[in-house]
Amino acid sequence: HSTASDKYLDFGCLVLDAANRAAEIYEVRKPDEKRYLLNFAFSNLSLMDKKIKFSFNSIFQAVYDYSKTQDVLPSMDSDHDKRGQNPLSCH
């Protein structure tokens, strides 16, 4: 259980790092790598009337929602009791 929890935390930190550095990463990548990055972060990408339409993949939607509301991300333990729990840190 603790190994799975550590891997979940590592993956979350990786996603947050990618989200924070997405523009920087995108600028220096080759076209096929840019496509992979876009597919990793977005779903349903389309162009209509010169406007890009998109949806975030679920993990990036959670990051986006957090950035807008500053609410705690859903990282509570199984009893979902927020009292006495500290938010996870990627530092």
N, C-alpha and C. Protein backbone atom coordinates (compact mmCIF):
# COMPACT_ATOMS: atom_id res chain seq x y z
N HIS A 1 0.82 -1.19 0.00
CA HIS A 1 0.00 0.00 0.00
C HIS A 1 0.87 1.26 0.00
N SER A 2 1.93 1.27 0.82
CA SER A 2 2.77 2.46 0.88
C SER A 2 3.54 2.66 -0.42
N THR A 3 3.91 1.58 -1.11
CA THR A 3 4.60 1.69 -2.40
C THR A 3 3.67 2.32 -3.43
N ALA A 4 2.42 1.89 -3.46
CA ALA A 4 1.44 2.46 -4.39
C ALA A 4 1.22 3.93 -4.07
N SER A 5 1.16 4.27 -2.80
CA SER A 5 0.97 5.66 -2.39
C SER A 5 2.15 6.53 -2.85
N ASP A 6 3.37 6.02 -2.70
CA ASP A 6 4.56 6.75 -3.14
C ASP A 6 4.57 6.94 -4.66
N LYS A 7 4.16 5.92 -5.39
CA LYS A 7 4.11 6.03 -6.85
C LYS A 7 3.04 7.03 -7.28
N TYR A 8 1.92 7.05 -6.59
CA TYR A 8 0.85 8.01 -6.86
C TYR A 8 1.36 9.42 -6.64
N LEU A 9 2.07 9.63 -5.54
CA LEU A 9 2.64 10.94 -5.23
C LEU A 9 3.68 11.34 -6.28
N ASP A 10 4.55 10.41 -6.66
CA ASP A 10 5.56 10.70 -7.69
C ASP A 10 4.91 11.08 -9.01
N PHE A 11 3.88 10.34 -9.39
CA PHE A 11 3.17 10.64 -10.64
C PHE A 11 2.52 12.02 -10.56
N GLY A 12 1.91 12.33 -9.43
CA GLY A 12 1.28 13.64 -9.25
C GLY A 12 2.30 14.76 -9.36
N CYS A 13 3.46 14.59 -8.78
CA CYS A 13 4.51 15.60 -8.87
C CYS A 13 5.00 15.76 -10.31
N LEU A 14 5.10 14.64 -11.03
CA LEU A 14 5.50 14.69 -12.43
C LEU A 14 4.48 15.46 -13.26
N VAL A 15 3.21 15.22 -13.02
CA VAL A 15 2.15 15.93 -13.75
C VAL A 15 2.19 17.41 -13.43
N LEU A 16 2.35 17.77 -12.17
CA LEU A 16 2.42 19.19 -11.80
C LEU A 16 3.63 19.87 -12.43
N ASP A 17 4.76 19.18 -12.46
CA ASP A 17 5.96 19.73 -13.10
C ASP A 17 5.73 19.94 -14.59
N ALA A 18 5.13 18.94 -15.24
CA ALA A 18 4.84 19.06 -16.68
C ALA A 18 3.87 20.20 -16.94
N ALA A 19 2.86 20.35 -16.10
CA ALA A 19 1.89 21.44 -16.27
C ALA A 19 2.56 22.80 -16.09
N ASN A 20 3.43 22.92 -15.11
CA ASN A 20 4.11 24.20 -14.87
C ASN A 20 5.10 24.56 -15.97
N ARG A 21 5.68 23.55 -16.60
CA ARG A 21 6.73 23.80 -17.60
C ARG A 21 6.29 23.48 -19.02
N ALA A 22 4.99 23.32 -19.26
CA ALA A 22 4.49 22.86 -20.56
C ALA A 22 4.96 23.74 -21.71
N ALA A 23 4.86 25.04 -21.59
CA ALA A 23 5.27 25.93 -22.69
C ALA A 23 6.76 25.80 -22.97
N GLU A 24 7.55 25.75 -21.92
CA GLU A 24 9.01 25.60 -22.07
C GLU A 24 9.36 24.26 -22.74
N ILE A 25 8.72 23.21 -22.31
CA ILE A 25 8.96 21.88 -22.89
C ILE A 25 8.53 21.86 -24.35
N TYR A 26 7.36 22.41 -24.63
CA TYR A 26 6.80 22.39 -25.99
C TYR A 26 7.72 23.11 -26.99
N GLU A 27 8.27 24.24 -26.59
CA GLU A 27 9.10 25.05 -27.49
C GLU A 27 10.31 24.30 -28.05
N VAL A 28 10.89 23.41 -27.28
CA VAL A 28 12.15 22.79 -27.69
C VAL A 28 11.97 21.37 -28.27
N ARG A 29 10.75 20.92 -28.41
CA ARG A 29 10.51 19.55 -28.88
C ARG A 29 10.31 19.48 -30.39
N LYS A 30 10.54 18.29 -30.93
CA LYS A 30 10.29 18.00 -32.34
C LYS A 30 8.78 17.85 -32.54
N PRO A 31 8.30 17.96 -33.79
CA PRO A 31 6.85 17.88 -34.03
C PRO A 31 6.17 16.64 -33.47
N ASP A 32 6.78 15.46 -33.59
CA ASP A 32 6.15 14.26 -33.06
C ASP A 32 6.09 14.27 -31.53
N GLU A 33 7.08 14.87 -30.89
CA GLU A 33 7.08 15.00 -29.44
C GLU A 33 6.04 16.04 -28.99
N LYS A 34 5.87 17.10 -29.77
CA LYS A 34 4.84 18.09 -29.46
C LYS A 34 3.45 17.45 -29.54
N ARG A 35 3.24 16.62 -30.56
CA ARG A 35 1.96 15.92 -30.70
C ARG A 35 1.71 15.02 -29.50
N TYR A 36 2.74 14.30 -29.06
CA TYR A 36 2.60 13.43 -27.89
C TYR A 36 2.24 14.25 -26.64
N LEU A 37 2.91 15.38 -26.44
CA LEU A 37 2.63 16.24 -25.29
C LEU A 37 1.19 16.75 -25.33
N LEU A 38 0.74 17.19 -26.50
CA LEU A 38 -0.64 17.67 -26.63
C LEU A 38 -1.64 16.55 -26.35
N ASN A 39 -1.37 15.35 -26.86
CA ASN A 39 -2.27 14.22 -26.60
C ASN A 39 -2.25 13.79 -25.15
N PHE A 40 -1.14 14.00 -24.47
CA PHE A 40 -1.02 13.66 -23.05
C PHE A 40 -1.89 14.60 -22.20
N ALA A 41 -1.92 15.87 -22.55
CA ALA A 41 -2.62 16.87 -21.75
C ALA A 41 -4.08 17.08 -22.15
N PHE A 42 -4.39 16.89 -23.44
CA PHE A 42 -5.72 17.22 -23.94
C PHE A 42 -6.40 16.03 -24.58
N SER A 43 -7.73 16.11 -24.63
CA SER A 43 -8.51 15.18 -25.43
C SER A 43 -9.47 16.01 -26.26
N ASN A 44 -9.97 15.43 -27.31
CA ASN A 44 -10.95 16.09 -28.17
C ASN A 44 -10.46 17.41 -28.75
N LEU A 45 -9.20 17.47 -29.17
CA LEU A 45 -8.69 18.67 -29.82
C LEU A 45 -9.31 18.81 -31.21
N SER A 46 -9.79 20.01 -31.52
CA SER A 46 -10.32 20.27 -32.85
C SER A 46 -10.21 21.75 -33.16
N LEU A 47 -10.32 22.06 -34.44
CA LEU A 47 -10.26 23.44 -34.90
C LEU A 47 -11.57 23.72 -35.62
N MET A 48 -12.28 24.76 -35.15
CA MET A 48 -13.55 25.11 -35.76
C MET A 48 -13.66 26.63 -35.83
N ASP A 49 -13.88 27.15 -37.02
CA ASP A 49 -13.98 28.59 -37.23
C ASP A 49 -12.78 29.33 -36.66
N LYS A 50 -11.59 28.80 -36.92
CA LYS A 50 -10.32 29.37 -36.49
C LYS A 50 -10.16 29.43 -34.97
N LYS A 51 -10.92 28.61 -34.27
CA LYS A 51 -10.82 28.53 -32.81
C LYS A 51 -10.53 27.09 -32.41
N ILE A 52 -9.64 26.93 -31.45
CA ILE A 52 -9.30 25.60 -30.95
C ILE A 52 -10.30 25.20 -29.89
N LYS A 53 -10.85 24.03 -30.04
CA LYS A 53 -11.75 23.45 -29.04
C LYS A 53 -11.01 22.29 -28.40
N PHE A 54 -11.13 22.14 -27.07
CA PHE A 54 -10.42 21.07 -26.39
C PHE A 54 -11.06 20.74 -25.05
N SER A 55 -10.67 19.61 -24.54
CA SER A 55 -10.95 19.20 -23.17
C SER A 55 -9.62 18.74 -22.59
N PHE A 56 -9.41 18.99 -21.31
CA PHE A 56 -8.23 18.47 -20.65
C PHE A 56 -8.43 17.00 -20.33
N ASN A 57 -7.37 16.21 -20.38
CA ASN A 57 -7.42 14.87 -19.81
C ASN A 57 -7.62 15.02 -18.32
N SER A 58 -8.19 14.04 -17.67
CA SER A 58 -8.68 14.19 -16.29
C SER A 58 -7.66 14.74 -15.30
N ILE A 59 -6.43 14.27 -15.33
CA ILE A 59 -5.45 14.75 -14.35
C ILE A 59 -5.14 16.23 -14.57
N PHE A 60 -5.07 16.65 -15.83
CA PHE A 60 -4.81 18.06 -16.11
C PHE A 60 -6.03 18.92 -15.83
N GLN A 61 -7.23 18.35 -15.94
CA GLN A 61 -8.44 19.08 -15.55
C GLN A 61 -8.40 19.38 -14.05
N ALA A 62 -7.94 18.41 -13.26
CA ALA A 62 -7.83 18.63 -11.82
C ALA A 62 -6.82 19.74 -11.51
N VAL A 63 -5.69 19.76 -12.22
CA VAL A 63 -4.69 20.81 -12.03
C VAL A 63 -5.28 22.16 -12.42
N TYR A 64 -5.98 22.21 -13.55
CA TYR A 64 -6.61 23.46 -14.01
C TYR A 64 -7.64 23.95 -13.00
N ASP A 65 -8.51 23.05 -12.54
CA ASP A 65 -9.53 23.43 -11.56
C ASP A 65 -8.89 23.98 -10.30
N TYR A 66 -7.84 23.32 -9.84
CA TYR A 66 -7.13 23.78 -8.65
C TYR A 66 -6.55 25.17 -8.87
N SER A 67 -5.98 25.42 -10.04
CA SER A 67 -5.37 26.72 -10.30
C SER A 67 -6.40 27.84 -10.29
N LYS A 68 -7.64 27.52 -10.61
CA LYS A 68 -8.71 28.53 -10.63
C LYS A 68 -9.35 28.74 -9.27
N THR A 69 -9.44 27.69 -8.46
CA THR A 69 -10.17 27.78 -7.20
C THR A 69 -9.28 27.75 -5.97
N GLN A 70 -8.07 27.22 -6.12
CA GLN A 70 -7.14 27.01 -4.99
C GLN A 70 -7.71 26.08 -3.94
N ASP A 71 -8.72 25.26 -4.31
CA ASP A 71 -9.24 24.24 -3.40
C ASP A 71 -8.23 23.11 -3.31
N VAL A 72 -8.31 22.36 -2.24
CA VAL A 72 -7.41 21.23 -2.06
C VAL A 72 -7.73 20.19 -3.11
N LEU A 73 -6.68 19.66 -3.75
CA LEU A 73 -6.87 18.59 -4.71
C LEU A 73 -7.37 17.34 -3.99
N PRO A 74 -8.08 16.47 -4.70
CA PRO A 74 -8.60 15.26 -4.04
C PRO A 74 -7.48 14.29 -3.71
N SER A 75 -6.79 14.55 -2.59
CA SER A 75 -5.66 13.71 -2.21
C SER A 75 -5.82 13.17 -0.79
N MET A 76 -7.05 13.13 -0.29
CA MET A 76 -7.28 12.67 1.06
C MET A 76 -7.22 11.15 1.12
N ASP A 77 -7.02 10.63 2.33
CA ASP A 77 -6.95 9.19 2.46
C ASP A 77 -8.35 8.57 2.34
N SER A 78 -8.45 7.28 2.53
CA SER A 78 -9.67 6.57 2.21
C SER A 78 -10.87 6.97 3.05
N ASP A 79 -10.67 7.56 4.24
CA ASP A 79 -11.84 7.92 5.03
C ASP A 79 -12.37 9.31 4.67
N HIS A 80 -11.68 10.02 3.78
CA HIS A 80 -12.11 11.32 3.25
C HIS A 80 -12.39 12.35 4.34
N ASP A 81 -11.79 12.17 5.49
CA ASP A 81 -11.95 13.12 6.59
C ASP A 81 -10.79 14.11 6.51
N LYS A 82 -11.09 15.37 6.22
CA LYS A 82 -10.04 16.37 6.00
C LYS A 82 -9.38 16.83 7.30
N ARG A 83 -10.00 16.57 8.45
CA ARG A 83 -9.43 17.03 9.71
C ARG A 83 -8.13 16.31 10.01
N GLY A 84 -7.10 17.08 10.28
CA GLY A 84 -5.83 16.51 10.69
C GLY A 84 -4.95 16.02 9.56
N GLN A 85 -5.37 16.23 8.31
CA GLN A 85 -4.55 15.78 7.19
C GLN A 85 -3.84 16.97 6.60
N ASN A 86 -2.59 16.73 6.22
CA ASN A 86 -1.81 17.77 5.58
C ASN A 86 -1.84 17.55 4.07
N PRO A 87 -1.92 18.67 3.29
CA PRO A 87 -1.84 18.50 1.84
C PRO A 87 -0.51 17.91 1.44
N LEU A 88 -0.50 17.14 0.38
CA LEU A 88 0.76 16.55 -0.11
C LEU A 88 1.64 17.63 -0.68
N SER A 89 2.93 17.43 -0.57
CA SER A 89 3.89 18.39 -1.08
C SER A 89 4.83 17.70 -2.04
N CYS A 90 5.20 18.41 -3.10
CA CYS A 90 6.13 17.87 -4.08
C CYS A 90 7.51 18.45 -3.91
N HIS A 91 7.79 19.02 -2.76
CA HIS A 91 9.09 19.65 -2.52
C HIS A 91 10.05 18.65 -1.91
